Each structure stands twice: as C-alpha cells, then as structure tokens.
Amino acid sequence: MAAIFLCHSHQNIIKMEISVELTLTPLQDNFEPPIVAYIKALRASGCTIKESPLSTQVYGEFDTVMTLITNTTKKAFEESEHIILNMKIVKTNRSDYEPSF
C-alpha cells in the first residue's frame, strides 16, 4: 500500500488595496448612454466609487476591483462598436485623500 502525503503551504494571504481611475470614451455621436450604464454598474458593485466630470474612481481590494472592472468593461465593449477605456492604477486605497494645499 502506498502512502500519500499532502503538503500544505502556510502562506499568509495579503489583501492588496488599490485605487483605479477610469475614463470610458465611446467613439460615437450618442456617447452618454454607454457611460451612464458603465457608471451605474460600478455603483451597484458595493465598492467605493467617486465620480468627477472627467473620470470615475474605484477603490477596494485588488481582486474585487479588477474583477468588477473586467466584467463591466467587457459588457461595455460588447455593447459598443468603437470604445476606449483609459485606466490608471495605484497600489493603495486613496479614497480618503484630501489635498493639503
């Protein structure tokens, strides 16, 4: 009879927080509906969302935020023929940032 040994790694799982700035740009005359749908999907996620006239920021745990962005962007890309997503990612949660000047 053969012995079976199972090795378990005791890795500490570190939750990495990120901040992501998104700018969705549909290349079409009626550009607002895809942007509105995209932002509403982000809002419904439960992640911390901040909006400005030029971009939307998403804050939270890396895997959660990136899965949200992947799924939401895929849907937007499927529904628009020509569309651009600009994204900036910072490795920290900057949702509480206040300018000091």
N, C-alpha and C. Protein backbone atom coordinates (compact mmCIF):
# COMPACT_ATOMS: atom_id res chain seq x y z
N MET A 1 0.85 -1.16 0.00
CA MET A 1 0.00 0.00 0.00
C MET A 1 0.90 1.24 0.00
N ALA A 2 0.61 2.15 -0.87
CA ALA A 2 1.39 3.38 -0.99
C ALA A 2 0.86 4.43 -0.02
N ALA A 3 1.78 5.14 0.55
CA ALA A 3 1.40 6.23 1.45
C ALA A 3 1.22 7.50 0.64
N ILE A 4 0.27 8.26 0.99
CA ILE A 4 0.01 9.53 0.32
C ILE A 4 0.28 10.65 1.32
N PHE A 5 1.12 11.57 0.90
CA PHE A 5 1.43 12.72 1.74
C PHE A 5 0.91 13.98 1.07
N LEU A 6 0.23 14.77 1.82
CA LEU A 6 -0.27 16.05 1.31
C LEU A 6 0.50 17.16 2.01
N CYS A 7 1.07 18.02 1.23
CA CYS A 7 1.80 19.15 1.78
C CYS A 7 0.93 20.40 1.65
N HIS A 8 0.83 21.10 2.71
CA HIS A 8 0.06 22.35 2.71
C HIS A 8 0.99 23.51 2.96
N SER A 9 0.90 24.49 2.12
CA SER A 9 1.69 25.69 2.28
C SER A 9 0.94 26.62 3.24
N HIS A 10 1.66 27.17 4.17
CA HIS A 10 1.05 28.11 5.11
C HIS A 10 1.39 29.52 4.69
N GLN A 11 0.83 29.92 3.56
CA GLN A 11 1.09 31.26 3.05
C GLN A 11 0.10 32.24 3.68
N ASN A 12 0.62 33.38 4.04
CA ASN A 12 -0.27 34.44 4.51
C ASN A 12 -0.87 35.13 3.30
N ILE A 13 -2.16 35.22 3.26
CA ILE A 13 -2.83 35.89 2.16
C ILE A 13 -2.94 37.37 2.53
N ILE A 14 -2.31 38.20 1.72
CA ILE A 14 -2.31 39.64 1.97
C ILE A 14 -3.31 40.29 1.03
N LYS A 15 -4.22 41.03 1.60
CA LYS A 15 -5.19 41.77 0.80
C LYS A 15 -4.53 43.05 0.32
N MET A 16 -4.47 43.22 -0.99
CA MET A 16 -3.84 44.40 -1.57
C MET A 16 -4.92 45.40 -1.96
N GLU A 17 -4.87 46.58 -1.42
CA GLU A 17 -5.82 47.63 -1.74
C GLU A 17 -5.30 48.44 -2.93
N ILE A 18 -6.22 48.84 -3.80
CA ILE A 18 -5.86 49.66 -4.96
C ILE A 18 -6.87 50.78 -5.16
N SER A 19 -6.42 51.76 -5.93
CA SER A 19 -7.26 52.86 -6.41
C SER A 19 -7.15 52.85 -7.92
N VAL A 20 -8.28 52.93 -8.61
CA VAL A 20 -8.28 52.90 -10.07
C VAL A 20 -9.07 54.08 -10.60
N GLU A 21 -8.47 54.79 -11.55
CA GLU A 21 -9.17 55.87 -12.23
C GLU A 21 -9.53 55.39 -13.63
N LEU A 22 -10.81 55.52 -13.98
CA LEU A 22 -11.32 55.04 -15.26
C LEU A 22 -11.93 56.18 -16.06
N THR A 23 -11.64 56.20 -17.35
CA THR A 23 -12.31 57.12 -18.27
C THR A 23 -12.77 56.30 -19.47
N LEU A 24 -14.08 56.14 -19.62
CA LEU A 24 -14.67 55.40 -20.73
C LEU A 24 -15.03 56.39 -21.83
N THR A 25 -14.59 56.11 -23.05
CA THR A 25 -14.83 57.03 -24.17
C THR A 25 -15.43 56.28 -25.35
N PRO A 26 -16.75 56.27 -25.48
CA PRO A 26 -17.37 55.68 -26.67
C PRO A 26 -17.12 56.60 -27.87
N LEU A 27 -16.71 56.03 -28.98
CA LEU A 27 -16.44 56.82 -30.19
C LEU A 27 -17.68 56.78 -31.08
N GLN A 28 -18.69 57.51 -30.64
CA GLN A 28 -19.97 57.56 -31.36
C GLN A 28 -20.67 58.86 -30.99
N ASP A 29 -21.63 59.26 -31.82
CA ASP A 29 -22.36 60.50 -31.57
C ASP A 29 -23.14 60.45 -30.26
N ASN A 30 -23.87 59.40 -30.02
CA ASN A 30 -24.67 59.26 -28.81
C ASN A 30 -23.82 58.55 -27.74
N PHE A 31 -22.85 59.28 -27.17
CA PHE A 31 -21.85 58.68 -26.31
C PHE A 31 -22.28 58.53 -24.84
N GLU A 32 -23.30 59.27 -24.40
CA GLU A 32 -23.66 59.27 -22.99
C GLU A 32 -24.26 57.96 -22.48
N PRO A 33 -25.17 57.29 -23.20
CA PRO A 33 -25.77 56.06 -22.65
C PRO A 33 -24.76 54.98 -22.25
N PRO A 34 -23.72 54.69 -23.03
CA PRO A 34 -22.76 53.68 -22.56
C PRO A 34 -22.00 54.10 -21.30
N ILE A 35 -21.72 55.39 -21.17
CA ILE A 35 -21.03 55.89 -19.98
C ILE A 35 -21.93 55.77 -18.76
N VAL A 36 -23.17 56.16 -18.90
CA VAL A 36 -24.13 56.07 -17.80
C VAL A 36 -24.31 54.62 -17.35
N ALA A 37 -24.46 53.70 -18.29
CA ALA A 37 -24.62 52.28 -17.96
C ALA A 37 -23.38 51.75 -17.24
N TYR A 38 -22.21 52.15 -17.69
CA TYR A 38 -20.94 51.72 -17.09
C TYR A 38 -20.85 52.20 -15.64
N ILE A 39 -21.13 53.48 -15.42
CA ILE A 39 -21.05 54.04 -14.07
C ILE A 39 -22.09 53.41 -13.16
N LYS A 40 -23.30 53.19 -13.65
CA LYS A 40 -24.34 52.55 -12.83
C LYS A 40 -23.92 51.13 -12.42
N ALA A 41 -23.28 50.40 -13.31
CA ALA A 41 -22.80 49.05 -12.98
C ALA A 41 -21.71 49.13 -11.91
N LEU A 42 -20.82 50.10 -12.01
CA LEU A 42 -19.79 50.28 -10.99
C LEU A 42 -20.42 50.63 -9.65
N ARG A 43 -21.39 51.53 -9.65
CA ARG A 43 -22.07 51.94 -8.41
C ARG A 43 -22.75 50.76 -7.72
N ALA A 44 -23.32 49.86 -8.49
CA ALA A 44 -24.06 48.72 -7.95
C ALA A 44 -23.16 47.67 -7.31
N SER A 45 -21.85 47.81 -7.47
CA SER A 45 -20.91 46.78 -7.03
C SER A 45 -20.71 46.71 -5.52
N GLY A 46 -20.92 47.81 -4.83
CA GLY A 46 -20.62 47.85 -3.40
C GLY A 46 -19.22 48.36 -3.11
N CYS A 47 -18.40 48.54 -4.15
CA CYS A 47 -17.07 49.13 -3.97
C CYS A 47 -17.22 50.63 -3.72
N THR A 48 -16.20 51.24 -3.18
CA THR A 48 -16.20 52.69 -3.01
C THR A 48 -15.96 53.32 -4.39
N ILE A 49 -16.89 54.18 -4.80
CA ILE A 49 -16.84 54.83 -6.11
C ILE A 49 -16.89 56.34 -5.90
N LYS A 50 -16.03 57.06 -6.59
CA LYS A 50 -16.10 58.52 -6.62
C LYS A 50 -16.12 58.94 -8.08
N GLU A 51 -16.93 59.93 -8.37
CA GLU A 51 -17.09 60.38 -9.75
C GLU A 51 -16.72 61.85 -9.88
N SER A 52 -16.18 62.18 -11.04
CA SER A 52 -15.92 63.57 -11.40
C SER A 52 -16.38 63.73 -12.84
N PRO A 53 -16.41 64.95 -13.35
CA PRO A 53 -16.84 65.13 -14.75
C PRO A 53 -15.94 64.43 -15.77
N LEU A 54 -14.69 64.13 -15.40
CA LEU A 54 -13.75 63.56 -16.36
C LEU A 54 -13.42 62.09 -16.14
N SER A 55 -13.71 61.55 -14.95
CA SER A 55 -13.36 60.16 -14.69
C SER A 55 -14.16 59.61 -13.51
N THR A 56 -14.03 58.32 -13.32
CA THR A 56 -14.64 57.63 -12.19
C THR A 56 -13.53 56.87 -11.48
N GLN A 57 -13.50 56.95 -10.16
CA GLN A 57 -12.51 56.25 -9.37
C GLN A 57 -13.17 55.10 -8.62
N VAL A 58 -12.47 53.97 -8.57
CA VAL A 58 -12.93 52.78 -7.86
C VAL A 58 -11.85 52.41 -6.86
N TYR A 59 -12.26 52.13 -5.60
CA TYR A 59 -11.33 51.83 -4.54
C TYR A 59 -11.72 50.51 -3.88
N GLY A 60 -10.71 49.71 -3.53
CA GLY A 60 -11.00 48.48 -2.81
C GLY A 60 -9.90 47.46 -2.97
N GLU A 61 -10.24 46.22 -2.63
CA GLU A 61 -9.30 45.10 -2.68
C GLU A 61 -9.02 44.73 -4.13
N PHE A 62 -7.76 44.46 -4.44
CA PHE A 62 -7.31 44.25 -5.82
C PHE A 62 -8.19 43.28 -6.60
N ASP A 63 -8.36 42.07 -6.12
CA ASP A 63 -9.11 41.07 -6.88
C ASP A 63 -10.56 41.49 -7.11
N THR A 64 -11.16 42.08 -6.11
CA THR A 64 -12.56 42.53 -6.23
C THR A 64 -12.69 43.63 -7.27
N VAL A 65 -11.83 44.64 -7.17
CA VAL A 65 -11.90 45.78 -8.09
C VAL A 65 -11.58 45.35 -9.53
N MET A 66 -10.54 44.55 -9.69
CA MET A 66 -10.15 44.14 -11.05
C MET A 66 -11.21 43.23 -11.69
N THR A 67 -11.84 42.37 -10.90
CA THR A 67 -12.93 41.54 -11.43
C THR A 67 -14.10 42.42 -11.85
N LEU A 68 -14.43 43.40 -11.02
CA LEU A 68 -15.50 44.34 -11.35
C LEU A 68 -15.19 45.07 -12.65
N ILE A 69 -13.98 45.60 -12.77
CA ILE A 69 -13.60 46.35 -13.97
C ILE A 69 -13.62 45.44 -15.20
N THR A 70 -13.11 44.24 -15.07
CA THR A 70 -13.09 43.30 -16.19
C THR A 70 -14.51 43.01 -16.68
N ASN A 71 -15.40 42.67 -15.76
CA ASN A 71 -16.77 42.32 -16.15
C ASN A 71 -17.54 43.51 -16.71
N THR A 72 -17.39 44.65 -16.08
CA THR A 72 -18.10 45.85 -16.51
C THR A 72 -17.58 46.34 -17.86
N THR A 73 -16.27 46.30 -18.05
CA THR A 73 -15.68 46.73 -19.30
C THR A 73 -16.03 45.78 -20.44
N LYS A 74 -16.02 44.49 -20.17
CA LYS A 74 -16.38 43.53 -21.20
C LYS A 74 -17.79 43.79 -21.72
N LYS A 75 -18.72 44.04 -20.80
CA LYS A 75 -20.10 44.32 -21.21
C LYS A 75 -20.16 45.60 -22.04
N ALA A 76 -19.47 46.65 -21.61
CA ALA A 76 -19.47 47.91 -22.36
C ALA A 76 -18.87 47.73 -23.75
N PHE A 77 -17.81 46.94 -23.84
CA PHE A 77 -17.16 46.70 -25.13
C PHE A 77 -18.05 45.87 -26.05
N GLU A 78 -18.80 44.93 -25.48
CA GLU A 78 -19.73 44.12 -26.29
C GLU A 78 -20.88 44.95 -26.84
N GLU A 79 -21.26 46.01 -26.12
CA GLU A 79 -22.41 46.81 -26.50
C GLU A 79 -22.07 48.02 -27.36
N SER A 80 -20.79 48.31 -27.56
CA SER A 80 -20.37 49.44 -28.37
C SER A 80 -19.34 48.98 -29.39
N GLU A 81 -19.49 49.45 -30.61
CA GLU A 81 -18.57 49.01 -31.65
C GLU A 81 -17.18 49.61 -31.51
N HIS A 82 -17.11 50.90 -31.15
CA HIS A 82 -15.82 51.59 -31.00
C HIS A 82 -15.82 52.29 -29.66
N ILE A 83 -14.91 51.86 -28.78
CA ILE A 83 -14.90 52.40 -27.42
C ILE A 83 -13.49 52.28 -26.85
N ILE A 84 -13.12 53.23 -26.00
CA ILE A 84 -11.80 53.26 -25.38
C ILE A 84 -11.99 53.30 -23.86
N LEU A 85 -11.14 52.58 -23.14
CA LEU A 85 -11.08 52.70 -21.69
C LEU A 85 -9.66 53.08 -21.30
N ASN A 86 -9.51 54.23 -20.66
CA ASN A 86 -8.23 54.64 -20.09
C ASN A 86 -8.27 54.31 -18.61
N MET A 87 -7.18 53.72 -18.10
CA MET A 87 -7.18 53.28 -16.71
C MET A 87 -5.82 53.57 -16.07
N LYS A 88 -5.87 54.08 -14.85
CA LYS A 88 -4.67 54.28 -14.03
C LYS A 88 -4.90 53.51 -12.74
N ILE A 89 -3.86 52.79 -12.29
CA ILE A 89 -3.98 52.00 -11.07
C ILE A 89 -2.88 52.42 -10.10
N VAL A 90 -3.26 52.66 -8.85
CA VAL A 90 -2.32 52.98 -7.79
C VAL A 90 -2.41 51.87 -6.74
N LYS A 91 -1.28 51.39 -6.29
CA LYS A 91 -1.26 50.31 -5.30
C LYS A 91 -1.42 50.87 -3.89
N THR A 92 -2.58 51.34 -3.61
CA THR A 92 -3.00 51.77 -2.27
C THR A 92 -4.43 52.30 -2.40
N ASN A 93 -5.15 52.26 -1.32
CA ASN A 93 -6.50 52.82 -1.33
C ASN A 93 -6.40 54.30 -0.97
N ARG A 94 -6.65 55.16 -1.95
CA ARG A 94 -6.52 56.60 -1.78
C ARG A 94 -7.88 57.28 -1.64
N SER A 95 -8.90 56.53 -1.27
CA SER A 95 -10.26 57.08 -1.22
C SER A 95 -10.41 58.19 -0.18
N ASP A 96 -9.54 58.22 0.81
CA ASP A 96 -9.64 59.26 1.85
C ASP A 96 -8.69 60.43 1.60
N TYR A 97 -8.10 60.49 0.40
CA TYR A 97 -7.15 61.56 0.07
C TYR A 97 -7.83 62.92 0.09
N GLU A 98 -7.19 63.86 0.78
CA GLU A 98 -7.62 65.25 0.80
C GLU A 98 -6.39 66.10 0.48
N PRO A 99 -6.48 66.99 -0.49
CA PRO A 99 -5.34 67.86 -0.81
C PRO A 99 -4.96 68.70 0.41
N SER A 100 -3.67 68.92 0.60
CA SER A 100 -3.21 69.70 1.75
C SER A 100 -2.74 71.09 1.33
N PHE A 101 -3.20 71.55 0.19
CA PHE A 101 -2.80 72.88 -0.27
C PHE A 101 -4.00 73.72 -0.56
